[in-house]
Amino acid sequence: MSLLDDVAERDGWRCWVCDEPVDPDMSVNDPRGPSVDSRTADRKAKIPERLAHRGCNTRKGAVKVVIAWPDRLHVADPAPLITVAGRLERKGGRELVARCPTERDAKEAAEWLEDRFSRLVPGLPVTAGVERGGGQFLVVLNAGRR
């Protein structure tokens, strides 16, 4: 097995940048084809290589990576997830990551965050919760250290 195959299998054939599936049969020269990203956002990252689409990997080299929050989520002041992931991976602890107008919106955001962090920072135990505060609902991530 090649490094690409090993990394892709570990990452479930999903791009760590855009979180979309990567087609194993696509040419590695195609922008949607598989590539190994060996320079993650944090040089001290526990996992030095990640699977990315060729286009996501190339674009990442030119601009700072931003993990987008889905448009379907109703959140205010969403935290930059790469920064949050780095802090939680290094220190563990608790991070307030967004405010929502309704409890339902906050629960939907919390569910998405737990799912996304399971792939963004594999192996880091992250849970998301919802707390009331100031007439709104706060989405909070909690992580233990590895």
N, C-alpha and C. Protein backbone atom coordinates (compact mmCIF):
# COMPACT_ATOMS: atom_id res chain seq x y z
N MET A 1 0.83 -1.19 0.00
CA MET A 1 0.00 0.00 0.00
C MET A 1 0.87 1.25 0.00
N SER A 2 0.42 2.28 -0.68
CA SER A 2 1.16 3.54 -0.74
C SER A 2 0.78 4.44 0.44
N LEU A 3 1.56 5.49 0.64
CA LEU A 3 1.25 6.47 1.68
C LEU A 3 -0.14 7.05 1.43
N LEU A 4 -0.45 7.37 0.16
CA LEU A 4 -1.77 7.91 -0.17
C LEU A 4 -2.87 6.96 0.28
N ASP A 5 -2.73 5.68 -0.04
CA ASP A 5 -3.75 4.70 0.35
C ASP A 5 -3.88 4.59 1.86
N ASP A 6 -2.75 4.57 2.56
CA ASP A 6 -2.77 4.47 4.03
C ASP A 6 -3.49 5.67 4.66
N VAL A 7 -3.11 6.87 4.21
CA VAL A 7 -3.70 8.10 4.74
C VAL A 7 -5.19 8.16 4.39
N ALA A 8 -5.52 7.81 3.14
CA ALA A 8 -6.91 7.86 2.68
C ALA A 8 -7.79 6.89 3.46
N GLU A 9 -7.30 5.70 3.69
CA GLU A 9 -8.07 4.72 4.47
C GLU A 9 -8.31 5.22 5.89
N ARG A 10 -7.25 5.76 6.51
CA ARG A 10 -7.38 6.28 7.87
C ARG A 10 -8.40 7.42 7.94
N ASP A 11 -8.39 8.29 6.91
CA ASP A 11 -9.27 9.45 6.88
C ASP A 11 -10.63 9.15 6.26
N GLY A 12 -10.88 7.90 5.91
CA GLY A 12 -12.19 7.51 5.38
C GLY A 12 -12.49 8.11 4.01
N TRP A 13 -11.43 8.38 3.23
CA TRP A 13 -11.58 8.96 1.89
C TRP A 13 -12.40 10.26 1.92
N ARG A 14 -12.15 11.11 2.93
CA ARG A 14 -12.77 12.43 3.03
C ARG A 14 -11.68 13.48 3.12
N CYS A 15 -11.87 14.57 2.42
CA CYS A 15 -10.92 15.69 2.43
C CYS A 15 -11.00 16.39 3.78
N TRP A 16 -9.86 16.58 4.42
CA TRP A 16 -9.87 17.21 5.74
C TRP A 16 -10.20 18.70 5.64
N VAL A 17 -9.99 19.32 4.49
CA VAL A 17 -10.24 20.75 4.34
C VAL A 17 -11.72 21.04 4.12
N CYS A 18 -12.32 20.40 3.09
CA CYS A 18 -13.72 20.71 2.74
C CYS A 18 -14.70 19.68 3.27
N ASP A 19 -14.21 18.56 3.78
CA ASP A 19 -15.03 17.50 4.38
C ASP A 19 -15.91 16.78 3.36
N GLU A 20 -15.58 16.90 2.09
CA GLU A 20 -16.31 16.20 1.04
C GLU A 20 -15.59 14.89 0.70
N PRO A 21 -16.33 13.90 0.17
CA PRO A 21 -15.69 12.64 -0.21
C PRO A 21 -14.63 12.84 -1.30
N VAL A 22 -13.60 12.02 -1.24
CA VAL A 22 -12.55 12.01 -2.25
C VAL A 22 -12.70 10.70 -3.03
N ASP A 23 -12.79 10.80 -4.34
CA ASP A 23 -12.96 9.63 -5.19
C ASP A 23 -11.61 8.94 -5.40
N PRO A 24 -11.46 7.69 -4.92
CA PRO A 24 -10.17 7.02 -5.07
C PRO A 24 -9.80 6.72 -6.52
N ASP A 25 -10.78 6.74 -7.42
CA ASP A 25 -10.52 6.44 -8.83
C ASP A 25 -10.23 7.69 -9.66
N MET A 26 -10.35 8.86 -9.06
CA MET A 26 -10.08 10.12 -9.76
C MET A 26 -8.57 10.27 -9.93
N SER A 27 -8.15 10.85 -11.03
CA SER A 27 -6.73 11.09 -11.27
C SER A 27 -6.15 12.01 -10.20
N VAL A 28 -4.94 11.73 -9.77
CA VAL A 28 -4.30 12.59 -8.78
C VAL A 28 -3.96 13.96 -9.37
N ASN A 29 -4.07 14.10 -10.68
CA ASN A 29 -3.82 15.39 -11.33
C ASN A 29 -5.09 16.24 -11.44
N ASP A 30 -6.24 15.65 -11.18
CA ASP A 30 -7.52 16.36 -11.23
C ASP A 30 -7.70 17.15 -9.93
N PRO A 31 -8.28 18.35 -9.96
CA PRO A 31 -8.50 19.12 -8.73
C PRO A 31 -9.34 18.37 -7.68
N ARG A 32 -10.21 17.44 -8.10
CA ARG A 32 -11.02 16.67 -7.15
C ARG A 32 -10.36 15.33 -6.81
N GLY A 33 -9.16 15.10 -7.36
CA GLY A 33 -8.43 13.86 -7.11
C GLY A 33 -7.76 13.86 -5.74
N PRO A 34 -7.31 12.69 -5.28
CA PRO A 34 -6.71 12.57 -3.95
C PRO A 34 -5.28 13.08 -3.90
N SER A 35 -4.91 13.64 -2.76
CA SER A 35 -3.53 14.03 -2.49
C SER A 35 -3.27 13.94 -1.00
N VAL A 36 -2.02 13.81 -0.64
CA VAL A 36 -1.63 13.78 0.77
C VAL A 36 -1.14 15.17 1.15
N ASP A 37 -1.78 15.75 2.15
CA ASP A 37 -1.38 17.07 2.66
C ASP A 37 -0.45 16.81 3.84
N SER A 38 0.81 17.12 3.68
CA SER A 38 1.77 16.86 4.75
C SER A 38 2.07 18.10 5.59
N ARG A 39 1.37 19.20 5.30
CA ARG A 39 1.56 20.42 6.09
C ARG A 39 0.22 20.88 6.62
N THR A 40 -0.16 20.39 7.78
CA THR A 40 -1.43 20.79 8.38
C THR A 40 -1.27 22.16 9.03
N ALA A 41 -2.35 22.70 9.53
CA ALA A 41 -2.35 24.06 10.08
C ALA A 41 -1.41 24.21 11.27
N ASP A 42 -1.20 23.15 12.02
CA ASP A 42 -0.36 23.21 13.21
C ASP A 42 0.84 22.29 12.99
N ARG A 43 2.03 22.85 12.95
CA ARG A 43 3.23 22.05 12.71
C ARG A 43 3.44 20.98 13.79
N LYS A 44 2.83 21.16 14.97
CA LYS A 44 2.97 20.20 16.05
C LYS A 44 1.80 19.22 16.07
N ALA A 45 1.03 19.17 15.01
CA ALA A 45 -0.14 18.31 14.95
C ALA A 45 0.24 16.86 15.18
N LYS A 46 -0.64 16.13 15.84
CA LYS A 46 -0.39 14.72 16.13
C LYS A 46 -0.40 13.87 14.87
N ILE A 47 -1.17 14.28 13.86
CA ILE A 47 -1.26 13.55 12.60
C ILE A 47 -0.62 14.43 11.53
N PRO A 48 0.61 14.09 11.09
CA PRO A 48 1.32 14.98 10.16
C PRO A 48 0.79 14.97 8.74
N GLU A 49 0.14 13.89 8.31
CA GLU A 49 -0.39 13.83 6.94
C GLU A 49 -1.90 13.65 6.98
N ARG A 50 -2.59 14.35 6.08
CA ARG A 50 -4.04 14.25 5.97
C ARG A 50 -4.41 14.12 4.50
N LEU A 51 -5.56 13.51 4.23
CA LEU A 51 -6.07 13.40 2.87
C LEU A 51 -6.77 14.69 2.48
N ALA A 52 -6.50 15.15 1.26
CA ALA A 52 -7.16 16.35 0.74
C ALA A 52 -7.37 16.19 -0.76
N HIS A 53 -8.39 16.86 -1.28
CA HIS A 53 -8.50 16.95 -2.73
C HIS A 53 -7.26 17.70 -3.23
N ARG A 54 -6.80 17.40 -4.42
CA ARG A 54 -5.64 18.09 -5.00
C ARG A 54 -5.90 19.61 -5.00
N GLY A 55 -7.10 20.03 -5.41
CA GLY A 55 -7.42 21.46 -5.45
C GLY A 55 -7.44 22.11 -4.08
N CYS A 56 -8.00 21.41 -3.07
CA CYS A 56 -8.03 21.96 -1.70
C CYS A 56 -6.61 22.09 -1.17
N ASN A 57 -5.78 21.10 -1.45
CA ASN A 57 -4.40 21.11 -0.98
C ASN A 57 -3.62 22.25 -1.64
N THR A 58 -3.79 22.43 -2.93
CA THR A 58 -3.10 23.50 -3.65
C THR A 58 -3.55 24.87 -3.17
N ARG A 59 -4.87 25.05 -3.03
CA ARG A 59 -5.43 26.32 -2.57
C ARG A 59 -4.96 26.62 -1.15
N LYS A 60 -4.86 25.60 -0.32
CA LYS A 60 -4.42 25.77 1.06
C LYS A 60 -3.02 26.35 1.13
N GLY A 61 -2.18 26.01 0.15
CA GLY A 61 -0.83 26.54 0.14
C GLY A 61 -0.77 28.03 -0.12
N ALA A 62 -1.81 28.56 -0.79
CA ALA A 62 -1.82 29.97 -1.16
C ALA A 62 -2.53 30.86 -0.12
N VAL A 63 -3.46 30.28 0.62
CA VAL A 63 -4.23 31.05 1.59
C VAL A 63 -4.39 30.24 2.87
N LYS A 64 -4.68 30.92 3.95
CA LYS A 64 -4.90 30.24 5.22
C LYS A 64 -6.17 29.39 5.13
N VAL A 65 -6.10 28.17 5.64
CA VAL A 65 -7.24 27.26 5.59
C VAL A 65 -8.36 27.76 6.49
N VAL A 66 -9.56 27.74 5.96
CA VAL A 66 -10.75 28.09 6.72
C VAL A 66 -11.72 26.92 6.59
N ILE A 67 -12.12 26.37 7.71
CA ILE A 67 -13.15 25.33 7.71
C ILE A 67 -14.48 26.07 7.80
N ALA A 68 -15.24 25.99 6.72
CA ALA A 68 -16.49 26.75 6.64
C ALA A 68 -17.59 26.11 7.48
N TRP A 69 -18.37 26.96 8.12
CA TRP A 69 -19.58 26.52 8.79
C TRP A 69 -20.65 26.41 7.69
N PRO A 70 -21.47 25.38 7.70
CA PRO A 70 -22.51 25.25 6.67
C PRO A 70 -23.50 26.41 6.71
N ASP A 71 -23.94 26.85 5.55
CA ASP A 71 -24.91 27.94 5.45
C ASP A 71 -26.23 27.58 6.11
N ARG A 72 -26.54 26.30 6.19
CA ARG A 72 -27.82 25.88 6.77
C ARG A 72 -27.89 26.10 8.28
N LEU A 73 -26.75 26.29 8.94
CA LEU A 73 -26.74 26.51 10.39
C LEU A 73 -26.96 27.99 10.68
N HIS A 74 -27.79 28.26 11.67
CA HIS A 74 -28.08 29.64 12.08
C HIS A 74 -27.22 29.96 13.30
N VAL A 75 -26.02 30.50 13.02
CA VAL A 75 -25.09 30.82 14.09
C VAL A 75 -24.61 32.26 13.94
N ALA A 76 -24.31 32.86 15.08
CA ALA A 76 -23.73 34.20 15.11
C ALA A 76 -22.33 34.07 15.72
N ASP A 77 -21.43 34.89 15.26
CA ASP A 77 -20.06 34.90 15.75
C ASP A 77 -19.43 33.50 15.75
N PRO A 78 -19.47 32.79 14.61
CA PRO A 78 -18.86 31.45 14.59
C PRO A 78 -17.34 31.55 14.74
N ALA A 79 -16.79 30.71 15.59
CA ALA A 79 -15.35 30.70 15.83
C ALA A 79 -14.61 30.09 14.64
N PRO A 80 -13.37 30.51 14.40
CA PRO A 80 -12.56 29.89 13.34
C PRO A 80 -12.14 28.49 13.81
N LEU A 81 -12.66 27.47 13.14
CA LEU A 81 -12.53 26.10 13.64
C LEU A 81 -11.11 25.55 13.62
N ILE A 82 -10.28 25.99 12.68
CA ILE A 82 -8.88 25.53 12.67
C ILE A 82 -8.18 26.01 13.94
N THR A 83 -8.41 27.25 14.32
CA THR A 83 -7.82 27.81 15.53
C THR A 83 -8.32 27.07 16.76
N VAL A 84 -9.63 26.84 16.83
CA VAL A 84 -10.23 26.12 17.95
C VAL A 84 -9.66 24.71 18.03
N ALA A 85 -9.58 24.03 16.90
CA ALA A 85 -9.06 22.66 16.87
C ALA A 85 -7.63 22.62 17.40
N GLY A 86 -6.81 23.57 16.99
CA GLY A 86 -5.43 23.61 17.46
C GLY A 86 -5.33 23.80 18.97
N ARG A 87 -6.13 24.73 19.51
CA ARG A 87 -6.10 24.96 20.95
C ARG A 87 -6.59 23.74 21.72
N LEU A 88 -7.71 23.15 21.27
CA LEU A 88 -8.25 21.98 21.96
C LEU A 88 -7.29 20.80 21.90
N GLU A 89 -6.61 20.65 20.77
CA GLU A 89 -5.66 19.55 20.63
C GLU A 89 -4.46 19.75 21.56
N ARG A 90 -3.99 20.98 21.70
CA ARG A 90 -2.84 21.26 22.56
C ARG A 90 -3.18 21.24 24.04
N LYS A 91 -4.32 21.86 24.40
CA LYS A 91 -4.61 22.10 25.80
C LYS A 91 -5.83 21.36 26.35
N GLY A 92 -6.71 20.89 25.45
CA GLY A 92 -7.98 20.35 25.95
C GLY A 92 -8.82 21.51 26.46
N GLY A 93 -9.81 21.21 27.23
CA GLY A 93 -10.61 22.27 27.85
C GLY A 93 -11.93 22.56 27.16
N ARG A 94 -12.36 23.81 27.28
CA ARG A 94 -13.69 24.23 26.86
C ARG A 94 -13.57 25.47 26.00
N GLU A 95 -14.34 25.50 24.91
CA GLU A 95 -14.34 26.66 24.00
C GLU A 95 -15.76 27.01 23.61
N LEU A 96 -16.12 28.27 23.76
CA LEU A 96 -17.38 28.78 23.24
C LEU A 96 -17.15 29.03 21.76
N VAL A 97 -17.98 28.42 20.88
CA VAL A 97 -17.71 28.52 19.45
C VAL A 97 -18.78 29.24 18.64
N ALA A 98 -19.97 29.44 19.20
CA ALA A 98 -21.02 30.15 18.45
C ALA A 98 -22.18 30.51 19.36
N ARG A 99 -22.98 31.47 18.88
CA ARG A 99 -24.24 31.84 19.53
C ARG A 99 -25.35 31.54 18.55
N CYS A 100 -26.50 31.09 19.06
CA CYS A 100 -27.65 30.76 18.20
C CYS A 100 -28.92 31.39 18.75
N PRO A 101 -29.86 31.74 17.86
CA PRO A 101 -31.10 32.37 18.32
C PRO A 101 -32.06 31.40 19.00
N THR A 102 -32.03 30.12 18.64
CA THR A 102 -32.95 29.15 19.25
C THR A 102 -32.17 27.94 19.74
N GLU A 103 -32.77 27.22 20.66
CA GLU A 103 -32.14 26.01 21.17
C GLU A 103 -32.01 24.96 20.07
N ARG A 104 -33.01 24.88 19.22
CA ARG A 104 -32.96 23.93 18.10
C ARG A 104 -31.77 24.23 17.17
N ASP A 105 -31.56 25.50 16.87
CA ASP A 105 -30.41 25.90 16.04
C ASP A 105 -29.09 25.50 16.72
N ALA A 106 -29.01 25.74 18.02
CA ALA A 106 -27.79 25.42 18.76
C ALA A 106 -27.54 23.91 18.78
N LYS A 107 -28.59 23.13 18.97
CA LYS A 107 -28.42 21.67 18.98
C LYS A 107 -27.98 21.17 17.61
N GLU A 108 -28.52 21.74 16.55
CA GLU A 108 -28.13 21.34 15.19
C GLU A 108 -26.65 21.68 14.96
N ALA A 109 -26.22 22.85 15.41
CA ALA A 109 -24.81 23.25 15.27
C ALA A 109 -23.92 22.33 16.10
N ALA A 110 -24.35 21.99 17.31
CA ALA A 110 -23.56 21.11 18.17
C ALA A 110 -23.39 19.72 17.54
N GLU A 111 -24.45 19.20 16.97
CA GLU A 111 -24.36 17.89 16.30
C GLU A 111 -23.39 17.94 15.13
N TRP A 112 -23.49 19.00 14.33
CA TRP A 112 -22.58 19.14 13.19
C TRP A 112 -21.14 19.24 13.66
N LEU A 113 -20.88 20.01 14.72
CA LEU A 113 -19.53 20.19 15.23
C LEU A 113 -18.92 18.88 15.73
N GLU A 114 -19.69 18.09 16.47
CA GLU A 114 -19.15 16.80 16.94
C GLU A 114 -18.77 15.93 15.76
N ASP A 115 -19.63 15.87 14.75
CA ASP A 115 -19.35 15.07 13.57
C ASP A 115 -18.12 15.60 12.83
N ARG A 116 -18.05 16.91 12.63
CA ARG A 116 -16.94 17.52 11.87
C ARG A 116 -15.62 17.36 12.61
N PHE A 117 -15.62 17.55 13.93
CA PHE A 117 -14.38 17.42 14.70
C PHE A 117 -13.89 15.98 14.76
N SER A 118 -14.79 15.01 14.61
CA SER A 118 -14.36 13.61 14.59
C SER A 118 -13.44 13.35 13.40
N ARG A 119 -13.57 14.13 12.34
CA ARG A 119 -12.70 13.99 11.17
C ARG A 119 -11.62 15.06 11.14
N LEU A 120 -11.91 16.23 11.65
CA LEU A 120 -10.93 17.31 11.64
C LEU A 120 -9.75 17.00 12.56
N VAL A 121 -10.04 16.48 13.75
CA VAL A 121 -9.01 16.12 14.72
C VAL A 121 -9.29 14.70 15.20
N PRO A 122 -9.01 13.70 14.35
CA PRO A 122 -9.31 12.31 14.72
C PRO A 122 -8.61 11.92 16.03
N GLY A 123 -9.31 11.21 16.86
CA GLY A 123 -8.72 10.75 18.11
C GLY A 123 -8.87 11.71 19.27
N LEU A 124 -9.26 12.94 19.02
CA LEU A 124 -9.46 13.90 20.10
C LEU A 124 -10.91 13.78 20.56
N PRO A 125 -11.13 13.42 21.81
CA PRO A 125 -12.51 13.29 22.29
C PRO A 125 -13.17 14.66 22.47
N VAL A 126 -14.04 15.01 21.53
CA VAL A 126 -14.71 16.31 21.55
C VAL A 126 -16.21 16.09 21.70
N THR A 127 -16.80 16.80 22.64
CA THR A 127 -18.26 16.81 22.78
C THR A 127 -18.73 18.25 22.66
N ALA A 128 -19.94 18.41 22.14
CA ALA A 128 -20.51 19.75 22.00
C ALA A 128 -21.75 19.84 22.86
N GLY A 129 -21.93 20.96 23.49
CA GLY A 129 -23.10 21.18 24.33
C GLY A 129 -23.74 22.52 24.05
N VAL A 130 -24.94 22.68 24.60
CA VAL A 130 -25.70 23.91 24.43
C VAL A 130 -25.99 24.47 25.82
N GLU A 131 -25.74 25.77 25.99
CA GLU A 131 -26.01 26.44 27.26
C GLU A 131 -26.82 27.70 26.98
N ARG A 132 -27.70 28.04 27.91
CA ARG A 132 -28.46 29.29 27.81
C ARG A 132 -27.57 30.43 28.31
N GLY A 133 -27.75 31.59 27.68
CA GLY A 133 -26.97 32.74 28.14
C GLY A 133 -27.39 34.01 27.44
N GLY A 134 -27.83 35.00 28.21
CA GLY A 134 -28.16 36.30 27.66
C GLY A 134 -29.25 36.29 26.61
N GLY A 135 -30.27 35.45 26.78
CA GLY A 135 -31.38 35.41 25.83
C GLY A 135 -31.06 34.68 24.53
N GLN A 136 -29.96 33.95 24.52
CA GLN A 136 -29.58 33.19 23.34
C GLN A 136 -29.04 31.84 23.79
N PHE A 137 -28.60 31.04 22.86
CA PHE A 137 -28.09 29.71 23.16
C PHE A 137 -26.65 29.63 22.68
N LEU A 138 -25.78 29.21 23.56
CA LEU A 138 -24.35 29.16 23.30
C LEU A 138 -23.95 27.73 22.96
N VAL A 139 -23.11 27.57 21.95
CA VAL A 139 -22.60 26.26 21.57
C VAL A 139 -21.17 26.18 22.11
N VAL A 140 -20.92 25.14 22.90
CA VAL A 140 -19.64 24.98 23.59
C VAL A 140 -19.03 23.63 23.23
N LEU A 141 -17.74 23.63 22.92
CA LEU A 141 -17.00 22.39 22.71
C LEU A 141 -16.16 22.08 23.93
N ASN A 142 -16.12 20.81 24.28
CA ASN A 142 -15.28 20.33 25.38
C ASN A 142 -14.38 19.24 24.85
N ALA A 143 -13.12 19.27 25.22
CA ALA A 143 -12.18 18.24 24.76
C ALA A 143 -11.23 17.87 25.87
N GLY A 144 -10.95 16.59 25.95
CA GLY A 144 -9.92 16.09 26.86
C GLY A 144 -8.63 15.97 26.09
N ARG A 145 -7.55 15.91 26.79
CA ARG A 145 -6.25 15.72 26.12
C ARG A 145 -6.09 14.26 25.77
N ARG A 146 -5.25 14.02 24.74
CA ARG A 146 -4.95 12.63 24.35
C ARG A 146 -3.97 12.05 25.31
